[in-house]
C-alpha atoms as a PDB file:
ATOM      1  CA  UNK A   1      -4.352  33.558  18.800  1.00  0.00           C
ATOM      2  CA  UNK A   2      -6.040  33.235  22.180  1.00  0.00           C
ATOM      3  CA  UNK A   3      -4.567  30.862  24.821  1.00  0.00           C
ATOM      4  CA  UNK A   4      -7.766  28.814  24.757  1.00  0.00           C
ATOM      5  CA  UNK A   5      -7.599  28.324  20.983  1.00  0.00           C
ATOM      6  CA  UNK A   6      -3.888  27.520  21.182  1.00  0.00           C
ATOM      7  CA  UNK A   7      -4.543  24.885  23.840  1.00  0.00           C
ATOM      8  CA  UNK A   8      -7.392  23.438  21.775  1.00  0.00           C
ATOM      9  CA  UNK A   9      -5.224  23.124  18.683  1.00  0.00           C
ATOM     10  CA  UNK A  10      -2.407  21.607  20.713  1.00  0.00           C
ATOM     11  CA  UNK A  11      -4.800  19.028  22.156  1.00  0.00           C
ATOM     12  CA  UNK A  12      -6.179  18.202  18.697  1.00  0.00           C
ATOM     13  CA  UNK A  13      -2.653  17.770  17.324  1.00  0.00           C
ATOM     14  CA  UNK A  14      -1.687  15.495  20.210  1.00  0.00           C
ATOM     15  CA  UNK A  15      -4.818  13.414  19.703  1.00  0.00           C
ATOM     16  CA  UNK A  16      -4.149  13.120  15.961  1.00  0.00           C
ATOM     17  CA  UNK A  17      -0.575  12.031  16.658  1.00  0.00           C
ATOM     18  CA  UNK A  18      -1.743   9.430  19.172  1.00  0.00           C
ATOM     19  CA  UNK A  19      -4.371   8.192  16.721  1.00  0.00           C
ATOM     20  CA  UNK A  20      -1.692   7.735  14.046  1.00  0.00           C
ATOM     21  CA  UNK A  21       0.479   5.821  16.508  1.00  0.00           C
ATOM     22  CA  UNK A  22      -2.418   3.528  17.400  1.00  0.00           C
ATOM     23  CA  UNK A  23      -3.177   2.875  13.735  1.00  0.00           C
ATOM     24  CA  UNK A  24       0.461   1.971  13.106  1.00  0.00           C
ATOM     25  CA  UNK A  25       0.357  -0.454  16.025  1.00  0.00           C
ATOM     26  CA  UNK A  26      -2.952  -1.940  14.880  1.00  0.00           C
ATOM     27  CA  UNK A  27      -1.594  -2.388  11.353  1.00  0.00           C
ATOM     28  CA  UNK A  28       1.405  -4.325  12.651  1.00  0.00           C
ATOM     29  CA  UNK A  29      -0.814  -6.544  14.816  1.00  0.00           C
ATOM     30  CA  UNK A  30      -3.359  -7.192  12.049  1.00  0.00           C
ATOM     31  CA  UNK A  31      -0.569  -7.980   9.581  1.00  0.00           C
ATOM     32  CA  UNK A  32       1.200 -10.431  11.885  1.00  0.00           C
ATOM     33  CA  UNK A  33      -1.789 -12.144  13.526  1.00  0.00           C
ATOM     34  CA  UNK A  34      -4.539 -11.725  10.947  1.00  0.00           C
ATOM     35  CA  UNK A  35      -7.380  -9.230  11.119  1.00  0.00           C
ATOM     36  CA  UNK A  36     -10.172 -11.712  11.861  1.00  0.00           C
ATOM     37  CA  UNK A  37      -8.334 -13.420  14.720  1.00  0.00           C
ATOM     38  CA  UNK A  38      -7.109 -10.208  16.380  1.00  0.00           C
ATOM     39  CA  UNK A  39      -9.186  -8.686  19.172  1.00  0.00           C
ATOM     40  CA  UNK A  40      -9.425  -5.048  20.158  1.00  0.00           C
ATOM     41  CA  UNK A  41      -7.888  -6.045  23.485  1.00  0.00           C
ATOM     42  CA  UNK A  42      -4.824  -7.422  21.716  1.00  0.00           C
ATOM     43  CA  UNK A  43      -4.381  -4.183  19.799  1.00  0.00           C
ATOM     44  CA  UNK A  44      -4.728  -2.226  23.034  1.00  0.00           C
ATOM     45  CA  UNK A  45      -2.187  -4.477  24.767  1.00  0.00           C
ATOM     46  CA  UNK A  46       0.288  -3.921  21.945  1.00  0.00           C
ATOM     47  CA  UNK A  47      -0.282  -0.170  22.271  1.00  0.00           C
ATOM     48  CA  UNK A  48       0.228  -0.311  26.038  1.00  0.00           C
ATOM     49  CA  UNK A  49      -3.259   0.828  26.980  1.00  0.00           C
ATOM     50  CA  UNK A  50      -6.494  -0.549  28.404  1.00  0.00           C
ATOM     51  CA  UNK A  51      -8.896  -2.099  25.930  1.00  0.00           C
ATOM     52  CA  UNK A  52     -11.656   0.373  26.725  1.00  0.00           C
ATOM     53  CA  UNK A  53      -9.341   3.331  26.169  1.00  0.00           C
ATOM     54  CA  UNK A  54      -8.953   2.381  22.517  1.00  0.00           C
ATOM     55  CA  UNK A  55     -12.609   3.208  21.922  1.00  0.00           C
ATOM     56  CA  UNK A  56     -11.836   6.821  22.723  1.00  0.00           C
ATOM     57  CA  UNK A  57     -10.089   6.941  19.345  1.00  0.00           C
ATOM     58  CA  UNK A  58     -11.939   4.283  17.281  1.00  0.00           C
ATOM     59  CA  UNK A  59     -15.460   2.930  17.540  1.00  0.00           C
ATOM     60  CA  UNK A  60     -14.521  -0.554  16.322  1.00  0.00           C
ATOM     61  CA  UNK A  61     -11.820  -2.809  14.970  1.00  0.00           C
ATOM     62  CA  UNK A  62     -13.491  -2.442  11.575  1.00  0.00           C
ATOM     63  CA  UNK A  63     -12.958   1.328  11.691  1.00  0.00           C
ATOM     64  CA  UNK A  64      -9.267   0.809  12.355  1.00  0.00           C
ATOM     65  CA  UNK A  65      -8.667  -1.499   9.406  1.00  0.00           C
ATOM     66  CA  UNK A  66     -10.830   0.727   7.199  1.00  0.00           C
ATOM     67  CA  UNK A  67      -8.625   3.730   7.940  1.00  0.00           C
ATOM     68  CA  UNK A  68      -5.414   1.717   7.571  1.00  0.00           C
ATOM     69  CA  UNK A  69      -6.405   0.475   4.115  1.00  0.00           C
ATOM     70  CA  UNK A  70      -7.950   3.702   2.848  1.00  0.00           C
ATOM     71  CA  UNK A  71      -4.870   5.733   3.835  1.00  0.00           C
ATOM     72  CA  UNK A  72      -2.609   3.219   2.088  1.00  0.00           C
ATOM     73  CA  UNK A  73      -4.674   3.196  -1.108  1.00  0.00           C
ATOM     74  CA  UNK A  74      -5.078   6.971  -1.180  1.00  0.00           C
ATOM     75  CA  UNK A  75      -1.318   7.383  -0.915  1.00  0.00           C
ATOM     76  CA  UNK A  76      -0.654   4.728  -3.567  1.00  0.00           C
ATOM     77  CA  UNK A  77      -3.072   6.285  -6.041  1.00  0.00           C
ATOM     78  CA  UNK A  78      -1.682   9.768  -5.480  1.00  0.00           C
ATOM     79  CA  UNK A  79       1.762   8.446  -6.425  1.00  0.00           C
ATOM     80  CA  UNK A  80       0.442   6.475  -9.398  1.00  0.00           C
ATOM     81  CA  UNK A  81      -1.638   9.378 -10.713  1.00  0.00           C
ATOM     82  CA  UNK A  82       1.401  11.659 -10.573  1.00  0.00           C
ATOM     83  CA  UNK A  83       3.330   9.180 -12.721  1.00  0.00           C
ATOM     84  CA  UNK A  84       0.504   8.705 -15.216  1.00  0.00           C
ATOM     85  CA  UNK A  85       0.065  12.459 -15.514  1.00  0.00           C
ATOM     86  CA  UNK A  86       3.757  13.155 -16.087  1.00  0.00           C
ATOM     87  CA  UNK A  87       3.688  12.426 -19.827  1.00  0.00           C
ATOM     88  CA  UNK A  88       6.402   9.750 -19.814  1.00  0.00           C
ATOM     89  CA  UNK A  89       6.592   7.125 -22.536  1.00  0.00           C
ATOM     90  CA  UNK A  90       5.390   3.622 -21.699  1.00  0.00           C
ATOM     91  CA  UNK A  91       8.800   2.226 -20.725  1.00  0.00           C
ATOM     92  CA  UNK A  92       9.589   5.091 -18.345  1.00  0.00           C
ATOM     93  CA  UNK A  93       6.036   5.029 -16.997  1.00  0.00           C
ATOM     94  CA  UNK A  94       6.469   1.328 -16.221  1.00  0.00           C
ATOM     95  CA  UNK A  95       9.767   2.044 -14.460  1.00  0.00           C
ATOM     96  CA  UNK A  96       8.280   4.892 -12.456  1.00  0.00           C
ATOM     97  CA  UNK A  97       5.240   2.855 -11.409  1.00  0.00           C
ATOM     98  CA  UNK A  98       7.490   0.040 -10.206  1.00  0.00           C
ATOM     99  CA  UNK A  99       9.555   2.527  -8.184  1.00  0.00           C
ATOM    100  CA  UNK A 100       6.434   4.058  -6.630  1.00  0.00           C
ATOM    101  CA  UNK A 101       5.108   0.590  -5.801  1.00  0.00           C
ATOM    102  CA  UNK A 102       8.197  -0.290  -3.773  1.00  0.00           C
ATOM    103  CA  UNK A 103       8.158   3.131  -2.103  1.00  0.00           C
ATOM    104  CA  UNK A 104       4.534   2.544  -1.140  1.00  0.00           C
ATOM    105  CA  UNK A 105       5.479  -0.820   0.355  1.00  0.00           C
ATOM    106  CA  UNK A 106       8.197   0.979   2.320  1.00  0.00           C
ATOM    107  CA  UNK A 107       5.674   3.461   3.719  1.00  0.00           C
ATOM    108  CA  UNK A 108       2.761   1.060   4.262  1.00  0.00           C
ATOM    109  CA  UNK A 109       4.193  -2.468   4.535  1.00  0.00           C
ATOM    110  CA  UNK A 110       1.741  -3.758   7.198  1.00  0.00           C
ATOM    111  CA  UNK A 111      -1.217  -2.283   5.306  1.00  0.00           C
ATOM    112  CA  UNK A 112      -0.084  -4.018   2.112  1.00  0.00           C
ATOM    113  CA  UNK A 113       0.080  -7.347   3.960  1.00  0.00           C
ATOM    114  CA  UNK A 114      -3.397  -6.776   5.383  1.00  0.00           C
ATOM    115  CA  UNK A 115      -4.699  -5.871   1.926  1.00  0.00           C
ATOM    116  CA  UNK A 116      -3.257  -9.046   0.417  1.00  0.00           C
ATOM    117  CA  UNK A 117      -4.539 -11.311   3.175  1.00  0.00           C
ATOM    118  CA  UNK A 118      -7.881  -9.741   4.002  1.00  0.00           C
ATOM    119  CA  UNK A 119      -9.238  -7.737   1.046  1.00  0.00           C
ATOM    120  CA  UNK A 120     -11.178 -10.598  -0.516  1.00  0.00           C
ATOM    121  CA  UNK A 121     -13.104 -11.175   2.702  1.00  0.00           C
ATOM    122  CA  UNK A 122     -13.456  -7.505   3.617  1.00  0.00           C
ATOM    123  CA  UNK A 123     -14.773  -6.596   0.162  1.00  0.00           C
ATOM    124  CA  UNK A 124     -17.945  -8.578   0.879  1.00  0.00           C
ATOM    125  CA  UNK A 125     -18.831  -5.797   3.349  1.00  0.00           C
ATOM    126  CA  UNK A 126     -20.372  -2.758   1.597  1.00  0.00           C
ATOM    127  CA  UNK A 127     -18.167  -0.512   3.713  1.00  0.00           C
ATOM    128  CA  UNK A 128     -15.147  -1.877   1.869  1.00  0.00           C
ATOM    129  CA  UNK A 129     -16.548  -1.732  -1.660  1.00  0.00           C
ATOM    130  CA  UNK A 130     -13.695   0.637  -2.513  1.00  0.00           C
ATOM    131  CA  UNK A 131     -11.300  -2.322  -2.349  1.00  0.00           C
ATOM    132  CA  UNK A 132     -12.936  -3.936  -5.386  1.00  0.00           C
ATOM    133  CA  UNK A 133     -13.064  -0.598  -7.180  1.00  0.00           C
ATOM    134  CA  UNK A 134      -9.359  -0.092  -6.534  1.00  0.00           C
ATOM    135  CA  UNK A 135      -8.516  -3.577  -7.813  1.00  0.00           C
ATOM    136  CA  UNK A 136     -10.355  -2.923 -11.075  1.00  0.00           C
ATOM    137  CA  UNK A 137      -8.705   0.474 -11.488  1.00  0.00           C
ATOM    138  CA  UNK A 138      -5.306  -1.038 -10.690  1.00  0.00           C
ATOM    139  CA  UNK A 139      -5.638  -3.738 -13.352  1.00  0.00           C
ATOM    140  CA  UNK A 140      -6.911  -1.298 -15.971  1.00  0.00           C
ATOM    141  CA  UNK A 141      -4.052   1.132 -15.335  1.00  0.00           C
ATOM    142  CA  UNK A 142      -1.296  -1.448 -15.622  1.00  0.00           C
ATOM    143  CA  UNK A 143      -2.794  -3.077 -18.718  1.00  0.00           C
ATOM    144  CA  UNK A 144      -3.119   0.344 -20.347  1.00  0.00           C
ATOM    145  CA  UNK A 145       0.580   1.036 -19.782  1.00  0.00           C
ATOM    146  CA  UNK A 146       1.606  -2.387 -21.044  1.00  0.00           C
ATOM    147  CA  UNK A 147      -0.620  -2.203 -24.123  1.00  0.00           C
ATOM    148  CA  UNK A 148       0.729   1.270 -24.865  1.00  0.00           C
ATOM    149  CA  UNK A 149       4.253  -0.105 -24.606  1.00  0.00           C
ATOM    150  CA  UNK A 150       3.463  -2.755 -27.197  1.00  0.00           C
ATOM    151  CA  UNK A 151       2.028  -0.108 -29.543  1.00  0.00           C
ATOM    152  CA  UNK A 152       5.067   2.100 -29.011  1.00  0.00           C
ATOM    153  CA  UNK A 153       7.332  -0.830 -29.818  1.00  0.00           C
ATOM    154  CA  UNK A 154       9.157  -0.851 -26.477  1.00  0.00           C
ATOM    155  CA  UNK A 155       7.509  -4.025 -25.123  1.00  0.00           C
ATOM    156  CA  UNK A 156       7.448  -7.349 -26.949  1.00  0.00           C
ATOM    157  CA  UNK A 157       4.260  -7.977 -28.896  1.00  0.00           C
ATOM    158  CA  UNK A 158       4.611 -11.773 -28.598  1.00  0.00           C
ATOM    159  CA  UNK A 159       4.066 -11.695 -24.825  1.00  0.00           C
ATOM    160  CA  UNK A 160       0.568 -11.601 -23.348  1.00  0.00           C
ATOM    161  CA  UNK A 161       0.106  -8.317 -21.492  1.00  0.00           C
ATOM    162  CA  UNK A 162      -2.338  -9.933 -19.071  1.00  0.00           C
ATOM    163  CA  UNK A 163       0.368 -12.404 -18.067  1.00  0.00           C
ATOM    164  CA  UNK A 164       2.936  -9.610 -17.702  1.00  0.00           C
ATOM    165  CA  UNK A 165       0.489  -7.725 -15.509  1.00  0.00           C
ATOM    166  CA  UNK A 166      -0.132 -10.689 -13.203  1.00  0.00           C
ATOM    167  CA  UNK A 167       3.575 -11.482 -12.979  1.00  0.00           C
ATOM    168  CA  UNK A 168       4.438  -7.876 -12.195  1.00  0.00           C
ATOM    169  CA  UNK A 169       1.633  -7.458  -9.655  1.00  0.00           C
ATOM    170  CA  UNK A 170       2.532 -10.598  -7.751  1.00  0.00           C
ATOM    171  CA  UNK A 171       6.299 -10.289  -7.766  1.00  0.00           C
ATOM    172  CA  UNK A 172       6.247  -6.640  -6.711  1.00  0.00           C
ATOM    173  CA  UNK A 173       3.543  -6.564  -4.043  1.00  0.00           C
ATOM    174  CA  UNK A 174       4.400  -9.891  -2.419  1.00  0.00           C
ATOM    175  CA  UNK A 175       7.678  -8.225  -1.509  1.00  0.00           C
ATOM    176  CA  UNK A 176       5.767  -6.794   1.451  1.00  0.00           C
ATOM    177  CA  UNK A 177       6.062 -10.235   3.079  1.00  0.00           C
ATOM    178  CA  UNK A 178       9.856  -9.953   3.295  1.00  0.00           C
ATOM    179  CA  UNK A 179      10.731  -6.283   2.826  1.00  0.00           C
ATOM    180  CA  UNK A 180      12.180  -4.422   5.820  1.00  0.00           C
ATOM    181  CA  UNK A 181      12.766  -0.682   5.872  1.00  0.00           C
ATOM    182  CA  UNK A 182      15.998  -1.231   7.808  1.00  0.00           C
ATOM    183  CA  UNK A 183      17.198  -3.946   5.447  1.00  0.00           C
ATOM    184  CA  UNK A 184      20.375  -3.980   3.395  1.00  0.00           C
ATOM    185  CA  UNK A 185      18.674  -2.625   0.263  1.00  0.00           C
ATOM    186  CA  UNK A 186      16.478   0.476   0.109  1.00  0.00           C
ATOM    187  CA  UNK A 187      13.115   0.475  -1.634  1.00  0.00           C
ATOM    188  CA  UNK A 188      14.602   2.449  -4.536  1.00  0.00           C
ATOM    189  CA  UNK A 189      17.513   0.036  -4.908  1.00  0.00           C
ATOM    190  CA  UNK A 190      15.176  -2.959  -4.885  1.00  0.00           C
ATOM    191  CA  UNK A 191      13.097  -1.257  -7.581  1.00  0.00           C
ATOM    192  CA  UNK A 192      16.232  -0.608  -9.654  1.00  0.00           C
ATOM    193  CA  UNK A 193      17.390  -4.211  -9.436  1.00  0.00           C
ATOM    194  CA  UNK A 194      13.883  -5.497 -10.079  1.00  0.00           C
ATOM    195  CA  UNK A 195      13.689  -3.449 -13.274  1.00  0.00           C
ATOM    196  CA  UNK A 196      17.123  -4.692 -14.333  1.00  0.00           C
ATOM    197  CA  UNK A 197      15.942  -8.285 -13.940  1.00  0.00           C
ATOM    198  CA  UNK A 198      12.647  -7.715 -15.731  1.00  0.00           C
ATOM    199  CA  UNK A 199      13.895  -5.585 -18.627  1.00  0.00           C
ATOM    200  CA  UNK A 200      17.429  -6.904 -19.025  1.00  0.00           C
ATOM    201  CA  UNK A 201      17.259 -10.404 -17.537  1.00  0.00           C
ATOM    202  CA  UNK A 202      19.761 -12.161 -15.279  1.00  0.00           C
ATOM    203  CA  UNK A 203      21.796 -13.898 -17.991  1.00  0.00           C
ATOM    204  CA  UNK A 204      25.131 -12.216 -18.786  1.00  0.00           C
ATOM    205  CA  UNK A 205      25.370 -13.380 -22.404  1.00  0.00           C
END
């Protein structure tokens, strides 16, 4: 490899690393202050740089939140698809999806908060049409697993699967509002205890 090519690749790697750092900072700021009320200058201040310098990496605030959300959803769906394609029965698929959900929150907590708070508004912009598509796919996937569980006899047939879906969706993903990666319980342990509560209940007798 020539010195010039090596230097070029090193520069590209450094720029990619800096871009990732800026996105992480932007995600934290958007999650804590709200996307609409946050300015590019505030993101730059949090990153310790001049406002104009941020445009060297991103052409707009919209581009930043677009990348934050698309990376989060791509990662989530890769994990979900691996579970769905693993051939597990409905009960174990449900368990595995719950575990992957909490792991995704661990990896992308600010993005999850942004998604919850901003997706309805952002989805009105054609650029973010993928948010609505993901929501539809998400609902269909979970209902398919729950309906399969009823047919397999592992989930109760007297409970409405739509209600189970909404309960599961809200109780799992709203954890992003309080979850901390340095907290007392890991994402996997929270998932384990969550499943114990859902499948076994909290009553001892």
